[in-house]
C-alpha atoms as a PDB file:
ATOM      1  CA  UNK A   1      -7.059  39.952   4.505  1.00  0.00           C
ATOM      2  CA  UNK A   2      -7.935  36.905   6.612  1.00  0.00           C
ATOM      3  CA  UNK A   3      -6.947  38.696   9.831  1.00  0.00           C
ATOM      4  CA  UNK A   4      -9.247  41.603   9.034  1.00  0.00           C
ATOM      5  CA  UNK A   5     -12.062  39.336   7.843  1.00  0.00           C
ATOM      6  CA  UNK A   6     -11.954  37.395  11.114  1.00  0.00           C
ATOM      7  CA  UNK A   7     -12.199  40.611  13.114  1.00  0.00           C
ATOM      8  CA  UNK A   8     -15.186  41.742  11.048  1.00  0.00           C
ATOM      9  CA  UNK A   9     -16.933  38.377  11.388  1.00  0.00           C
ATOM     10  CA  UNK A  10     -16.493  38.377  15.157  1.00  0.00           C
ATOM     11  CA  UNK A  11     -17.695  41.980  15.390  1.00  0.00           C
ATOM     12  CA  UNK A  12     -20.803  41.182  13.363  1.00  0.00           C
ATOM     13  CA  UNK A  13     -21.535  38.185  15.568  1.00  0.00           C
ATOM     14  CA  UNK A  14     -21.123  40.092  18.840  1.00  0.00           C
ATOM     15  CA  UNK A  15     -21.975  43.772  18.249  1.00  0.00           C
ATOM     16  CA  UNK A  16     -25.308  45.364  17.404  1.00  0.00           C
ATOM     17  CA  UNK A  17     -23.637  47.379  14.635  1.00  0.00           C
ATOM     18  CA  UNK A  18     -20.130  46.403  13.616  1.00  0.00           C
ATOM     19  CA  UNK A  19     -17.531  49.014  12.794  1.00  0.00           C
ATOM     20  CA  UNK A  20     -14.063  48.166  11.559  1.00  0.00           C
ATOM     21  CA  UNK A  21     -11.306  50.227   9.969  1.00  0.00           C
ATOM     22  CA  UNK A  22      -8.557  48.116   8.466  1.00  0.00           C
ATOM     23  CA  UNK A  23      -6.006  48.352   5.710  1.00  0.00           C
ATOM     24  CA  UNK A  24      -8.061  46.158   3.355  1.00  0.00           C
ATOM     25  CA  UNK A  25     -11.614  46.405   4.706  1.00  0.00           C
ATOM     26  CA  UNK A  26     -13.754  49.108   6.244  1.00  0.00           C
ATOM     27  CA  UNK A  27     -17.139  48.403   7.784  1.00  0.00           C
ATOM     28  CA  UNK A  28     -19.389  51.048   9.294  1.00  0.00           C
ATOM     29  CA  UNK A  29     -22.638  50.136  10.980  1.00  0.00           C
ATOM     30  CA  UNK A  30     -22.901  46.623   9.549  1.00  0.00           C
ATOM     31  CA  UNK A  31     -25.883  44.742  10.958  1.00  0.00           C
ATOM     32  CA  UNK A  32     -26.127  40.992  11.376  1.00  0.00           C
ATOM     33  CA  UNK A  33     -29.498  40.049  12.844  1.00  0.00           C
ATOM     34  CA  UNK A  34     -30.633  37.824  14.313  1.00  0.00           C
ATOM     35  CA  UNK A  35     -27.510  36.837  16.210  1.00  0.00           C
ATOM     36  CA  UNK A  36     -26.687  33.167  16.633  1.00  0.00           C
ATOM     37  CA  UNK A  37     -27.985  31.450  19.747  1.00  0.00           C
ATOM     38  CA  UNK A  38     -24.531  30.217  20.766  1.00  0.00           C
ATOM     39  CA  UNK A  39     -22.719  32.419  23.267  1.00  0.00           C
ATOM     40  CA  UNK A  40     -20.552  34.349  23.092  1.00  0.00           C
ATOM     41  CA  UNK A  41     -20.924  33.684  19.342  1.00  0.00           C
ATOM     42  CA  UNK A  42     -21.062  30.950  16.733  1.00  0.00           C
ATOM     43  CA  UNK A  43     -17.862  28.872  17.029  1.00  0.00           C
ATOM     44  CA  UNK A  44     -15.329  30.151  14.516  1.00  0.00           C
ATOM     45  CA  UNK A  45     -13.535  27.349  12.677  1.00  0.00           C
ATOM     46  CA  UNK A  46     -10.476  28.409  10.691  1.00  0.00           C
ATOM     47  CA  UNK A  47      -9.210  25.953   8.096  1.00  0.00           C
ATOM     48  CA  UNK A  48      -5.649  25.937   6.886  1.00  0.00           C
ATOM     49  CA  UNK A  49      -2.218  25.148   8.121  1.00  0.00           C
ATOM     50  CA  UNK A  50       0.052  28.055   7.256  1.00  0.00           C
ATOM     51  CA  UNK A  51       2.421  28.130  10.187  1.00  0.00           C
ATOM     52  CA  UNK A  52       3.266  31.837  10.346  1.00  0.00           C
ATOM     53  CA  UNK A  53      -0.130  33.386   9.637  1.00  0.00           C
ATOM     54  CA  UNK A  54      -3.095  31.006   9.593  1.00  0.00           C
ATOM     55  CA  UNK A  55      -2.249  28.962  12.686  1.00  0.00           C
ATOM     56  CA  UNK A  56      -1.368  32.145  14.551  1.00  0.00           C
ATOM     57  CA  UNK A  57      -4.801  33.524  13.623  1.00  0.00           C
ATOM     58  CA  UNK A  58      -6.371  30.302  14.917  1.00  0.00           C
ATOM     59  CA  UNK A  59      -4.590  30.850  18.241  1.00  0.00           C
ATOM     60  CA  UNK A  60      -5.737  34.456  18.327  1.00  0.00           C
ATOM     61  CA  UNK A  61      -9.340  34.228  17.079  1.00  0.00           C
ATOM     62  CA  UNK A  62     -10.391  30.636  16.409  1.00  0.00           C
ATOM     63  CA  UNK A  63     -12.622  28.346  18.388  1.00  0.00           C
ATOM     64  CA  UNK A  64     -11.671  25.454  16.115  1.00  0.00           C
ATOM     65  CA  UNK A  65      -9.130  24.652  13.442  1.00  0.00           C
ATOM     66  CA  UNK A  66      -9.026  22.265  10.536  1.00  0.00           C
ATOM     67  CA  UNK A  67      -5.788  20.766   9.240  1.00  0.00           C
ATOM     68  CA  UNK A  68      -5.046  18.024   6.775  1.00  0.00           C
ATOM     69  CA  UNK A  69      -2.313  15.752   5.554  1.00  0.00           C
ATOM     70  CA  UNK A  70      -0.733  12.696   7.061  1.00  0.00           C
ATOM     71  CA  UNK A  71      -0.403  12.055  10.794  1.00  0.00           C
ATOM     72  CA  UNK A  72       3.169  13.386  10.962  1.00  0.00           C
ATOM     73  CA  UNK A  73       2.084  16.641   9.292  1.00  0.00           C
ATOM     74  CA  UNK A  74      -0.923  16.967  11.593  1.00  0.00           C
ATOM     75  CA  UNK A  75       1.234  16.454  14.697  1.00  0.00           C
ATOM     76  CA  UNK A  76       3.651  19.106  13.462  1.00  0.00           C
ATOM     77  CA  UNK A  77       0.899  21.627  12.647  1.00  0.00           C
ATOM     78  CA  UNK A  78      -0.778  21.124  16.026  1.00  0.00           C
ATOM     79  CA  UNK A  79       2.595  21.610  17.726  1.00  0.00           C
ATOM     80  CA  UNK A  80       2.999  24.916  15.883  1.00  0.00           C
ATOM     81  CA  UNK A  81      -0.523  25.897  16.935  1.00  0.00           C
ATOM     82  CA  UNK A  82       0.282  25.052  20.548  1.00  0.00           C
ATOM     83  CA  UNK A  83       3.405  27.219  20.368  1.00  0.00           C
ATOM     84  CA  UNK A  84       1.325  30.145  19.049  1.00  0.00           C
ATOM     85  CA  UNK A  85      -1.186  29.607  21.857  1.00  0.00           C
ATOM     86  CA  UNK A  86       1.598  29.599  24.437  1.00  0.00           C
ATOM     87  CA  UNK A  87       3.050  32.819  22.991  1.00  0.00           C
ATOM     88  CA  UNK A  88      -0.370  34.522  23.172  1.00  0.00           C
ATOM     89  CA  UNK A  89      -1.295  33.125  26.601  1.00  0.00           C
ATOM     90  CA  UNK A  90      -4.158  31.106  25.117  1.00  0.00           C
ATOM     91  CA  UNK A  91      -5.135  27.689  26.428  1.00  0.00           C
ATOM     92  CA  UNK A  92      -4.499  25.330  23.495  1.00  0.00           C
ATOM     93  CA  UNK A  93      -7.177  22.970  24.803  1.00  0.00           C
ATOM     94  CA  UNK A  94      -9.895  25.590  24.219  1.00  0.00           C
ATOM     95  CA  UNK A  95      -9.453  25.123  20.459  1.00  0.00           C
ATOM     96  CA  UNK A  96     -11.384  22.254  18.859  1.00  0.00           C
ATOM     97  CA  UNK A  97      -9.007  20.384  16.545  1.00  0.00           C
ATOM     98  CA  UNK A  98     -10.400  18.830  13.383  1.00  0.00           C
ATOM     99  CA  UNK A  99      -8.879  17.190  10.325  1.00  0.00           C
ATOM    100  CA  UNK A 100     -10.028  16.370   6.826  1.00  0.00           C
ATOM    101  CA  UNK A 101      -9.848  12.756   5.707  1.00  0.00           C
ATOM    102  CA  UNK A 102      -9.381  12.753   1.937  1.00  0.00           C
ATOM    103  CA  UNK A 103     -11.243   9.486   1.431  1.00  0.00           C
ATOM    104  CA  UNK A 104     -12.907   6.747   3.431  1.00  0.00           C
ATOM    105  CA  UNK A 105     -13.349   3.383   1.778  1.00  0.00           C
ATOM    106  CA  UNK A 106     -14.656   0.818   4.229  1.00  0.00           C
ATOM    107  CA  UNK A 107     -15.649  -2.785   3.526  1.00  0.00           C
ATOM    108  CA  UNK A 108     -15.654  -6.197   5.175  1.00  0.00           C
ATOM    109  CA  UNK A 109     -12.265  -6.975   3.585  1.00  0.00           C
ATOM    110  CA  UNK A 110      -9.353  -4.744   2.674  1.00  0.00           C
ATOM    111  CA  UNK A 111      -9.535  -5.964  -0.921  1.00  0.00           C
ATOM    112  CA  UNK A 112     -13.183  -4.875  -1.186  1.00  0.00           C
ATOM    113  CA  UNK A 113     -12.313  -1.466   0.246  1.00  0.00           C
ATOM    114  CA  UNK A 114      -9.467  -0.994  -2.232  1.00  0.00           C
ATOM    115  CA  UNK A 115     -11.724  -2.076  -5.107  1.00  0.00           C
ATOM    116  CA  UNK A 116     -14.024   0.907  -4.352  1.00  0.00           C
ATOM    117  CA  UNK A 117     -11.227   3.357  -5.154  1.00  0.00           C
ATOM    118  CA  UNK A 118     -10.722   4.865  -8.583  1.00  0.00           C
ATOM    119  CA  UNK A 119      -7.922   3.600 -10.812  1.00  0.00           C
ATOM    120  CA  UNK A 120      -5.780   6.645 -10.026  1.00  0.00           C
ATOM    121  CA  UNK A 121      -6.387   6.245  -6.281  1.00  0.00           C
ATOM    122  CA  UNK A 122      -5.410   2.572  -6.441  1.00  0.00           C
ATOM    123  CA  UNK A 123      -2.271   3.500  -8.401  1.00  0.00           C
ATOM    124  CA  UNK A 124      -1.393   5.913  -5.595  1.00  0.00           C
ATOM    125  CA  UNK A 125      -2.496   3.620  -2.756  1.00  0.00           C
ATOM    126  CA  UNK A 126       0.580   4.053  -0.546  1.00  0.00           C
ATOM    127  CA  UNK A 127       0.106   7.829  -0.493  1.00  0.00           C
ATOM    128  CA  UNK A 128      -3.674   7.515  -0.185  1.00  0.00           C
ATOM    129  CA  UNK A 129      -3.285   5.481   3.005  1.00  0.00           C
ATOM    130  CA  UNK A 130      -1.402   8.358   4.657  1.00  0.00           C
ATOM    131  CA  UNK A 131      -4.343  10.754   4.665  1.00  0.00           C
ATOM    132  CA  UNK A 132      -7.289   8.419   4.118  1.00  0.00           C
ATOM    133  CA  UNK A 133      -9.204   5.656   5.850  1.00  0.00           C
ATOM    134  CA  UNK A 134      -9.040   2.532   3.703  1.00  0.00           C
ATOM    135  CA  UNK A 135      -9.798  -0.995   4.833  1.00  0.00           C
ATOM    136  CA  UNK A 136     -11.854  -3.047   7.222  1.00  0.00           C
ATOM    137  CA  UNK A 137     -13.639  -1.547  10.233  1.00  0.00           C
ATOM    138  CA  UNK A 138     -10.796  -2.769  12.471  1.00  0.00           C
ATOM    139  CA  UNK A 139      -8.184  -1.108  10.248  1.00  0.00           C
ATOM    140  CA  UNK A 140     -10.156   2.116  10.171  1.00  0.00           C
ATOM    141  CA  UNK A 141     -10.617   2.151  13.954  1.00  0.00           C
ATOM    142  CA  UNK A 142      -6.838   1.779  14.254  1.00  0.00           C
ATOM    143  CA  UNK A 143      -6.292   4.759  11.925  1.00  0.00           C
ATOM    144  CA  UNK A 144      -8.839   6.871  13.802  1.00  0.00           C
ATOM    145  CA  UNK A 145      -6.914   6.136  17.004  1.00  0.00           C
ATOM    146  CA  UNK A 146      -3.792   7.543  15.309  1.00  0.00           C
ATOM    147  CA  UNK A 147      -5.631  10.799  14.570  1.00  0.00           C
ATOM    148  CA  UNK A 148      -6.830  10.943  18.164  1.00  0.00           C
ATOM    149  CA  UNK A 149      -3.322  10.292  19.485  1.00  0.00           C
ATOM    150  CA  UNK A 150      -2.065  13.136  17.273  1.00  0.00           C
ATOM    151  CA  UNK A 151      -4.520  15.506  18.983  1.00  0.00           C
ATOM    152  CA  UNK A 152      -7.441  15.494  16.558  1.00  0.00           C
ATOM    153  CA  UNK A 153     -10.872  15.581  18.189  1.00  0.00           C
ATOM    154  CA  UNK A 154     -13.103  15.428  15.132  1.00  0.00           C
ATOM    155  CA  UNK A 155     -12.762  14.124  11.574  1.00  0.00           C
ATOM    156  CA  UNK A 156     -14.428  15.459   8.438  1.00  0.00           C
ATOM    157  CA  UNK A 157     -14.739  12.386   6.277  1.00  0.00           C
ATOM    158  CA  UNK A 158     -15.408  11.981   2.554  1.00  0.00           C
ATOM    159  CA  UNK A 159     -16.819   8.526   1.807  1.00  0.00           C
ATOM    160  CA  UNK A 160     -15.802   7.418  -1.685  1.00  0.00           C
ATOM    161  CA  UNK A 161     -19.131   5.743  -2.431  1.00  0.00           C
ATOM    162  CA  UNK A 162     -21.679   7.530  -0.226  1.00  0.00           C
ATOM    163  CA  UNK A 163     -23.375   9.204  -3.186  1.00  0.00           C
ATOM    164  CA  UNK A 164     -24.397   5.828  -4.596  1.00  0.00           C
ATOM    165  CA  UNK A 165     -24.300   3.513  -1.573  1.00  0.00           C
ATOM    166  CA  UNK A 166     -25.131   4.446   2.015  1.00  0.00           C
ATOM    167  CA  UNK A 167     -24.048   1.020   3.268  1.00  0.00           C
ATOM    168  CA  UNK A 168     -20.489   2.311   3.780  1.00  0.00           C
ATOM    169  CA  UNK A 169     -21.756   5.116   5.982  1.00  0.00           C
ATOM    170  CA  UNK A 170     -23.925   2.672   7.951  1.00  0.00           C
ATOM    171  CA  UNK A 171     -21.011   0.260   8.381  1.00  0.00           C
ATOM    172  CA  UNK A 172     -18.762   3.098   9.551  1.00  0.00           C
ATOM    173  CA  UNK A 173     -21.392   4.299  12.041  1.00  0.00           C
ATOM    174  CA  UNK A 174     -22.024   0.825  13.442  1.00  0.00           C
ATOM    175  CA  UNK A 175     -18.474  -0.506  13.430  1.00  0.00           C
ATOM    176  CA  UNK A 176     -16.375   2.598  14.065  1.00  0.00           C
ATOM    177  CA  UNK A 177     -18.694   4.861  16.029  1.00  0.00           C
ATOM    178  CA  UNK A 178     -20.790   2.355  17.979  1.00  0.00           C
ATOM    179  CA  UNK A 179     -23.980   3.752  16.479  1.00  0.00           C
ATOM    180  CA  UNK A 180     -26.965   1.437  16.151  1.00  0.00           C
ATOM    181  CA  UNK A 181     -29.939   1.848  13.859  1.00  0.00           C
END
């Protein structure tokens, strides 16, 4: 279903009237106007990390991928993606590689950052650290470097307290992204 959906999406983004005959979906004369301004089409990000199907579809159709998990898992998934790219003759470096960060809790001290977590997150702190950014700006910069070393180019970050306190986002921007007000 995903394979066919991707083909339909790309057809609608690039053709005046999309036609597709698949096992699951049939589209005849579908119109998507106006087209996006990006050429040849809007970048197609495919999220997921199934090694046999999803990552192969990323290599075949995707402009970007999104994977999750700990650094070891991310390295493995990106290696699988690279293998699929090699098998298809696709340049792996043409795919933007992103990852989801389950939680970001940043504060001036590690203790303050941990205190922002829920009781269940604190009880599972060792596992949380594997796929989250928890700690001081220096600790978080170190973790971001690990993602970069693994091959990730962009992070999608969920701040644990952004809904009630933008100070964490400001601190992250200033201390981890070199953004000034």
